[in-house]
């Protein structure tokens, strides 16, 4: 069996680690953060991804952690409620659908707990360089440690370090969508109870909803922009940019925007897609957002991560060599990726077809 290093302990990385470990591969996950990341938005497991989590044996745990939203209210910029519905929320076309919505950190925790007995995790680590030869590939970590393995997988998100090392700079593969967004956790100072509130215009917006016990809120803010926005790790600049575009909003949404300065888990970045001609080079492969980020605006990033991990693990399990496995992984998964990246980010049109566009029997 192979020895594999995966960079990134998010959804794609942990799902792939679990599937590979079950096949007997030796797996190490390297994660730049010092601990599993908390916070983040609610995510969806839809269509083909539902079948993947069923096959992984995790569907019951995931369903048990689903959000409990009963509906949503839409507000104007002055803080007045202008619409209310109990049929849908923003991000879910129908509340009674089979799709599962849960918080990103809840899903990550389920995957991490399922893998940690069988997978080595190296938090606070990062691959600094890669050197490939006939025997394998050497992953040199920033700590100075060297791992000689059969395969390195980049599952480290939109700004993938593995992708830069093996495929070149971000601007070759990352396509900005003209929207900057941030999400953070805040105390529930507006007494939301299983309810979402929304403000939207073509140029900016806010989406706020409670955690499962209603003790905290997740606040997502966004605005249209022609530039890349603040640097990824400049939290002060990120706060300033988001406030400059949204702090004039009134009512309960304005109350929660004021919590931005106290948020300890703000994650902000420009919305973008990753489009690549190939997701592998030699003994390096990419999966999840690192390979084919559709952007959170499609609502399909998590499902793509899960189905991508499934496809890669299945091909590695059934192959006599990494080259053939990676070629089959790309051929099998690409139609699903293309369908999901082509979802209309303004209207959501195409998602019902795209979420089921993976052929499990291929």
Protein backbone atom coordinates (compact mmCIF):
# COMPACT_ATOMS: atom_id res chain seq x y z
CA UNK A 1 0.00 0.00 0.00
CA UNK A 2 1.06 3.60 -0.59
CA UNK A 3 2.31 6.25 1.80
CA UNK A 4 0.46 9.52 1.25
CA UNK A 5 0.88 13.04 2.62
CA UNK A 6 -2.18 15.29 2.39
CA UNK A 7 -1.83 19.01 3.04
CA UNK A 8 -5.04 20.48 4.45
CA UNK A 9 -7.27 19.23 7.30
CA UNK A 10 -10.50 20.59 5.86
CA UNK A 11 -13.41 18.66 4.39
CA UNK A 12 -11.60 17.34 1.31
CA UNK A 13 -8.40 16.46 3.18
CA UNK A 14 -10.06 14.64 6.07
CA UNK A 15 -12.52 12.79 3.83
CA UNK A 16 -9.69 11.61 1.59
CA UNK A 17 -7.60 10.62 4.62
CA UNK A 18 -10.47 8.50 5.97
CA UNK A 19 -11.10 6.75 2.67
CA UNK A 20 -7.42 6.04 2.02
CA UNK A 21 -6.79 4.80 5.56
CA UNK A 22 -9.69 2.36 5.23
CA UNK A 23 -7.97 0.94 2.15
CA UNK A 24 -4.80 0.34 4.16
CA UNK A 25 -2.73 3.29 2.92
CA UNK A 26 -0.46 5.09 5.35
CA UNK A 27 -1.73 8.66 5.61
CA UNK A 28 -0.30 11.82 7.15
CA UNK A 29 -2.28 15.06 7.11
CA UNK A 30 -0.28 18.28 7.39
CA UNK A 31 -2.23 21.39 8.39
CA UNK A 32 -0.85 24.92 8.63
CA UNK A 33 -3.25 25.93 11.43
CA UNK A 34 -2.20 25.03 14.96
CA UNK A 35 -5.53 23.28 15.67
CA UNK A 36 -8.72 22.32 13.83
CA UNK A 37 -10.38 25.51 12.62
CA UNK A 38 -13.66 26.46 14.27
CA UNK A 39 -16.31 28.78 12.89
CA UNK A 40 -17.25 29.15 9.24
CA UNK A 41 -20.51 29.15 7.41
CA UNK A 42 -23.20 26.52 7.08
CA UNK A 43 -22.46 24.14 4.22
CA UNK A 44 -24.57 21.69 2.24
CA UNK A 45 -24.23 17.99 1.46
CA UNK A 46 -26.30 17.43 -1.66
CA UNK A 47 -26.99 14.96 -4.42
CA UNK A 48 -24.05 12.68 -5.14
CA UNK A 49 -22.36 13.78 -1.90
CA UNK A 50 -25.25 12.27 0.08
CA UNK A 51 -24.43 8.89 -1.45
CA UNK A 52 -20.75 9.37 -0.61
CA UNK A 53 -21.42 10.01 3.09
CA UNK A 54 -23.79 7.03 3.15
CA UNK A 55 -21.02 4.81 1.79
CA UNK A 56 -18.60 6.29 4.32
CA UNK A 57 -21.00 5.32 7.13
CA UNK A 58 -21.32 8.92 8.31
CA UNK A 59 -24.79 9.87 7.10
CA UNK A 60 -26.52 9.37 10.46
CA UNK A 61 -23.96 11.51 12.33
CA UNK A 62 -24.16 14.21 9.69
CA UNK A 63 -27.96 14.28 9.70
CA UNK A 64 -27.91 14.55 13.49
CA UNK A 65 -25.90 17.77 13.19
CA UNK A 66 -28.05 19.43 10.54
CA UNK A 67 -29.19 22.99 11.12
CA UNK A 68 -32.70 23.63 12.40
CA UNK A 69 -33.66 26.80 10.56
CA UNK A 70 -37.42 27.31 10.23
CA UNK A 71 -37.31 30.14 7.67
CA UNK A 72 -35.91 33.58 6.99
CA UNK A 73 -36.65 37.29 6.98
CA UNK A 74 -35.35 39.81 4.46
CA UNK A 75 -34.49 43.34 5.62
CA UNK A 76 -33.81 46.60 3.83
CA UNK A 77 -30.76 48.74 4.57
CA UNK A 78 -32.72 50.80 7.09
CA UNK A 79 -33.41 47.73 9.22
CA UNK A 80 -37.04 47.18 8.22
CA UNK A 81 -38.35 43.66 7.61
CA UNK A 82 -39.72 43.49 4.06
CA UNK A 83 -40.26 39.75 3.52
CA UNK A 84 -40.60 36.57 5.55
CA UNK A 85 -40.92 32.91 4.54
CA UNK A 86 -41.03 29.50 6.18
CA UNK A 87 -40.48 27.62 2.90
CA UNK A 88 -36.80 28.33 2.26
CA UNK A 89 -33.67 30.08 3.44
CA UNK A 90 -30.89 31.67 1.45
CA UNK A 91 -28.74 28.77 0.33
CA UNK A 92 -31.54 26.20 0.52
CA UNK A 93 -34.25 26.31 -2.12
CA UNK A 94 -36.62 24.23 0.04
CA UNK A 95 -36.38 23.45 3.74
CA UNK A 96 -38.03 20.06 3.27
CA UNK A 97 -35.48 18.77 0.72
CA UNK A 98 -33.23 15.75 1.28
CA UNK A 99 -30.14 17.96 1.23
CA UNK A 100 -28.33 18.26 4.55
CA UNK A 101 -27.20 21.66 5.80
CA UNK A 102 -24.77 21.73 8.74
CA UNK A 103 -21.94 23.92 9.95
CA UNK A 104 -18.56 23.48 8.31
CA UNK A 105 -16.83 22.95 11.65
CA UNK A 106 -19.37 20.29 12.69
CA UNK A 107 -18.71 18.34 9.49
CA UNK A 108 -14.96 18.75 9.89
CA UNK A 109 -15.18 17.48 13.47
CA UNK A 110 -17.10 14.36 12.40
CA UNK A 111 -14.46 13.56 9.77
CA UNK A 112 -11.56 14.31 12.12
CA UNK A 113 -12.92 12.11 14.91
CA UNK A 114 -13.48 9.27 12.46
CA UNK A 115 -9.91 9.45 11.16
CA UNK A 116 -7.71 10.42 14.08
CA UNK A 117 -7.13 6.82 15.27
CA UNK A 118 -5.86 5.76 11.86
CA UNK A 119 -4.29 8.92 10.42
CA UNK A 120 -1.32 10.97 11.61
CA UNK A 121 -2.15 14.68 11.93
CA UNK A 122 0.57 17.34 11.96
CA UNK A 123 -1.06 20.62 12.98
CA UNK A 124 1.10 23.71 12.72
CA UNK A 125 2.97 22.21 9.77
CA UNK A 126 3.30 23.07 6.09
CA UNK A 127 5.07 21.67 3.06
CA UNK A 128 7.88 24.02 2.02
CA UNK A 129 9.18 22.16 -1.04
CA UNK A 130 8.71 18.98 -3.06
CA UNK A 131 11.37 16.82 -4.71
CA UNK A 132 10.34 13.90 -6.91
CA UNK A 133 12.45 10.97 -8.13
CA UNK A 134 11.89 7.44 -9.39
CA UNK A 135 11.45 6.12 -5.84
CA UNK A 136 8.80 8.59 -4.73
CA UNK A 137 8.43 12.20 -3.69
CA UNK A 138 10.06 14.00 -0.78
CA UNK A 139 7.90 16.52 1.07
CA UNK A 140 10.11 18.94 3.00
CA UNK A 141 8.20 20.65 5.81
CA UNK A 142 8.88 24.15 7.12
CA UNK A 143 10.01 22.52 10.37
CA UNK A 144 12.89 20.88 8.50
CA UNK A 145 11.33 17.43 8.61
CA UNK A 146 11.45 15.37 5.41
CA UNK A 147 8.80 12.81 4.45
CA UNK A 148 9.53 10.39 1.58
CA UNK A 149 6.18 9.13 0.26
CA UNK A 150 4.46 7.77 -2.82
CA UNK A 151 2.00 10.63 -3.31
CA UNK A 152 1.39 14.20 -2.10
CA UNK A 153 -2.14 15.59 -2.25
CA UNK A 154 -3.00 19.26 -1.98
CA UNK A 155 -6.34 19.64 -0.20
CA UNK A 156 -5.42 23.05 1.17
CA UNK A 157 -8.09 25.27 -0.27
CA UNK A 158 -8.43 28.16 -2.66
CA UNK A 159 -4.95 29.54 -1.90
CA UNK A 160 -3.30 26.12 -2.02
CA UNK A 161 0.39 26.01 -1.18
CA UNK A 162 0.80 22.59 -2.81
CA UNK A 163 -0.74 23.94 -6.01
CA UNK A 164 1.75 26.82 -6.08
CA UNK A 165 4.67 24.45 -5.55
CA UNK A 166 3.65 22.01 -8.29
CA UNK A 167 1.60 24.05 -10.76
CA UNK A 168 2.67 27.69 -10.45
CA UNK A 169 1.27 30.95 -9.05
CA UNK A 170 -2.36 31.52 -8.09
CA UNK A 171 -3.13 33.97 -10.89
CA UNK A 172 -2.70 31.20 -13.47
CA UNK A 173 -5.55 29.14 -12.00
CA UNK A 174 -7.66 31.36 -9.72
CA UNK A 175 -10.44 33.32 -11.42
CA UNK A 176 -11.89 36.13 -9.26
CA UNK A 177 -15.65 36.63 -9.35
CA UNK A 178 -15.71 40.27 -8.26
CA UNK A 179 -17.05 39.67 -4.75
CA UNK A 180 -15.26 39.93 -1.39
CA UNK A 181 -16.78 38.10 1.59
CA UNK A 182 -16.14 37.38 5.25
CA UNK A 183 -17.73 35.14 7.86
CA UNK A 184 -17.39 35.22 11.66
CA UNK A 185 -19.00 34.02 14.88
CA UNK A 186 -20.66 36.44 17.31
CA UNK A 187 -22.86 36.31 20.43
CA UNK A 188 -26.59 36.08 19.71
CA UNK A 189 -27.39 39.66 20.69
CA UNK A 190 -30.57 39.79 18.59
CA UNK A 191 -32.26 36.69 20.03
CA UNK A 192 -32.52 34.76 16.76
CA UNK A 193 -34.16 31.37 17.31
CA UNK A 194 -33.67 28.89 14.45
CA UNK A 195 -34.19 31.74 11.99
CA UNK A 196 -32.13 33.40 9.26
CA UNK A 197 -32.09 37.11 8.45
CA UNK A 198 -30.83 38.53 5.17
CA UNK A 199 -30.00 41.84 3.49
CA UNK A 200 -29.15 41.80 -0.22
CA UNK A 201 -28.56 44.19 -3.07
CA UNK A 202 -26.59 43.60 -6.29
CA UNK A 203 -23.54 45.20 -4.66
CA UNK A 204 -23.52 44.03 -1.04
CA UNK A 205 -25.25 41.85 1.48
CA UNK A 206 -25.38 40.14 4.87
CA UNK A 207 -26.64 36.71 5.95
CA UNK A 208 -27.04 35.88 9.66
CA UNK A 209 -28.21 32.67 11.31
CA UNK A 210 -27.76 30.93 14.68
CA UNK A 211 -25.80 27.85 15.62
CA UNK A 212 -27.80 24.74 16.48
CA UNK A 213 -28.31 25.74 20.13
CA UNK A 214 -28.99 29.41 19.23
CA UNK A 215 -26.24 30.60 21.58
CA UNK A 216 -24.12 32.12 18.83
CA UNK A 217 -24.60 33.55 15.37
CA UNK A 218 -22.67 33.09 12.16
CA UNK A 219 -22.45 36.35 10.23
CA UNK A 220 -21.54 36.41 6.53
CA UNK A 221 -20.90 39.76 4.83
CA UNK A 222 -20.02 40.48 1.21
CA UNK A 223 -19.59 43.31 -1.28
CA UNK A 224 -18.81 43.67 -4.97
CA UNK A 225 -15.30 44.80 -5.84
CA UNK A 226 -13.01 45.15 -8.82
CA UNK A 227 -9.82 44.44 -6.90
CA UNK A 228 -8.59 41.43 -4.93
CA UNK A 229 -9.38 42.93 -1.54
CA UNK A 230 -7.17 42.88 1.57
CA UNK A 231 -4.35 40.37 1.94
CA UNK A 232 -5.39 36.96 3.23
CA UNK A 233 -3.76 37.31 6.65
CA UNK A 234 -4.32 41.05 7.29
CA UNK A 235 -7.31 40.74 9.61
CA UNK A 236 -7.38 44.44 10.48
CA UNK A 237 -7.59 45.41 6.81
CA UNK A 238 -10.29 42.78 6.23
CA UNK A 239 -12.40 44.25 9.04
CA UNK A 240 -11.95 47.78 7.68
CA UNK A 241 -12.98 46.75 4.17
CA UNK A 242 -16.11 44.90 5.29
CA UNK A 243 -17.18 47.72 7.63
CA UNK A 244 -16.59 50.39 4.99
CA UNK A 245 -19.12 48.73 2.70
CA UNK A 246 -21.70 47.55 5.25
CA UNK A 247 -21.61 49.46 8.54
CA UNK A 248 -24.43 51.84 7.53
CA UNK A 249 -27.03 49.05 7.58
CA UNK A 250 -29.57 49.45 10.36
CA UNK A 251 -31.70 47.17 12.50
CA UNK A 252 -30.63 43.74 13.80
CA UNK A 253 -28.22 43.22 10.92
CA UNK A 254 -26.45 46.46 11.79
CA UNK A 255 -26.22 45.32 15.41
CA UNK A 256 -24.36 42.18 14.37
CA UNK A 257 -22.07 44.00 11.95
CA UNK A 258 -20.85 46.00 14.94
CA UNK A 259 -19.63 42.69 16.44
CA UNK A 260 -17.08 42.35 13.63
CA UNK A 261 -14.38 44.17 15.61
CA UNK A 262 -14.63 41.61 18.42
CA UNK A 263 -14.75 38.51 16.22
CA UNK A 264 -11.82 36.16 16.81
CA UNK A 265 -12.47 33.76 13.94
CA UNK A 266 -13.00 36.05 10.95
CA UNK A 267 -12.28 34.33 7.64
CA UNK A 268 -12.36 36.62 4.62
CA UNK A 269 -11.25 36.37 1.00
CA UNK A 270 -12.23 37.22 -2.53
CA UNK A 271 -14.74 34.83 -4.07
CA UNK A 272 -13.15 32.90 -6.93
CA UNK A 273 -13.16 29.69 -8.91
CA UNK A 274 -10.17 27.44 -9.60
CA UNK A 275 -10.12 26.13 -13.15
CA UNK A 276 -7.26 23.87 -14.22
CA UNK A 277 -6.53 21.72 -17.26
CA UNK A 278 -5.15 18.98 -15.00
CA UNK A 279 -5.28 18.21 -11.28
CA UNK A 280 -2.15 16.09 -11.14
CA UNK A 281 1.49 16.35 -12.07
CA UNK A 282 3.82 13.44 -11.42
CA UNK A 283 3.28 12.32 -7.84
CA UNK A 284 1.29 15.42 -6.84
CA UNK A 285 -2.50 15.58 -7.00
CA UNK A 286 -5.07 18.18 -5.99
CA UNK A 287 -8.58 17.74 -4.59
CA UNK A 288 -11.34 20.01 -3.28
CA UNK A 289 -11.03 23.78 -3.58
CA UNK A 290 -7.32 23.50 -4.35
CA UNK A 291 -8.20 21.75 -7.62
CA UNK A 292 -11.68 22.91 -8.60
CA UNK A 293 -13.14 25.48 -6.22
CA UNK A 294 -16.59 26.41 -7.55
CA UNK A 295 -16.81 29.30 -5.01
CA UNK A 296 -19.19 29.32 -2.02
CA UNK A 297 -21.64 31.21 -4.23
CA UNK A 298 -22.63 27.97 -5.98
CA UNK A 299 -23.39 26.20 -2.68
CA UNK A 300 -21.55 23.14 -3.96
CA UNK A 301 -18.01 23.45 -2.59
CA UNK A 302 -18.52 20.90 0.18
CA UNK A 303 -20.27 18.39 -2.05
CA UNK A 304 -17.50 18.73 -4.64
CA UNK A 305 -14.90 18.16 -1.91
CA UNK A 306 -16.61 14.97 -0.71
CA UNK A 307 -17.24 13.53 -4.17
CA UNK A 308 -13.72 14.48 -5.28
CA UNK A 309 -12.19 12.71 -2.28
CA UNK A 310 -14.32 9.64 -3.02
CA UNK A 311 -13.30 9.57 -6.68
CA UNK A 312 -9.59 9.97 -5.93
CA UNK A 313 -9.57 7.35 -3.18
CA UNK A 314 -11.47 4.85 -5.31
CA UNK A 315 -9.06 5.17 -8.23
CA UNK A 316 -6.00 4.89 -5.98
CA UNK A 317 -7.47 1.77 -4.39
CA UNK A 318 -8.05 0.04 -7.71
CA UNK A 319 -4.85 0.95 -9.54
CA UNK A 320 -1.45 -0.69 -9.94
CA UNK A 321 0.22 2.72 -10.30
CA UNK A 322 -0.34 6.34 -9.43
CA UNK A 323 -0.20 7.61 -13.04
CA UNK A 324 -3.10 5.45 -14.19
CA UNK A 325 -5.09 6.21 -11.03
CA UNK A 326 -4.70 9.97 -11.35
CA UNK A 327 -5.63 9.89 -15.04
CA UNK A 328 -8.83 7.97 -14.26
CA UNK A 329 -9.61 10.31 -11.34
CA UNK A 330 -9.53 13.31 -13.66
CA UNK A 331 -11.52 11.67 -16.44
CA UNK A 332 -14.20 10.41 -14.10
CA UNK A 333 -14.64 13.55 -12.00
CA UNK A 334 -14.32 16.35 -14.56
CA UNK A 335 -17.92 16.26 -15.91
CA UNK A 336 -19.21 16.64 -12.34
CA UNK A 337 -16.82 19.51 -11.65
CA UNK A 338 -17.70 21.35 -14.87
CA UNK A 339 -21.44 21.03 -14.22
CA UNK A 340 -21.07 22.46 -10.72
CA UNK A 341 -18.73 25.29 -11.69
CA UNK A 342 -21.23 26.33 -14.35
CA UNK A 343 -24.07 26.88 -11.83
CA UNK A 344 -25.36 30.47 -12.18
CA UNK A 345 -24.04 32.19 -9.04
CA UNK A 346 -26.73 34.89 -9.25
CA UNK A 347 -29.79 32.65 -9.49
CA UNK A 348 -28.61 29.15 -8.56
CA UNK A 349 -29.91 27.87 -11.88
CA UNK A 350 -28.42 24.50 -12.77
CA UNK A 351 -27.81 23.22 -9.24
CA UNK A 352 -30.50 20.50 -9.31
CA UNK A 353 -28.90 18.87 -12.33
CA UNK A 354 -25.30 19.53 -11.28
CA UNK A 355 -25.54 18.07 -7.78
CA UNK A 356 -26.42 14.64 -9.21
CA UNK A 357 -24.08 14.71 -12.23
CA UNK A 358 -21.61 12.11 -10.94
CA UNK A 359 -21.66 8.59 -12.38
CA UNK A 360 -20.98 6.12 -9.56
CA UNK A 361 -20.94 3.22 -12.01
CA UNK A 362 -18.36 4.59 -14.42
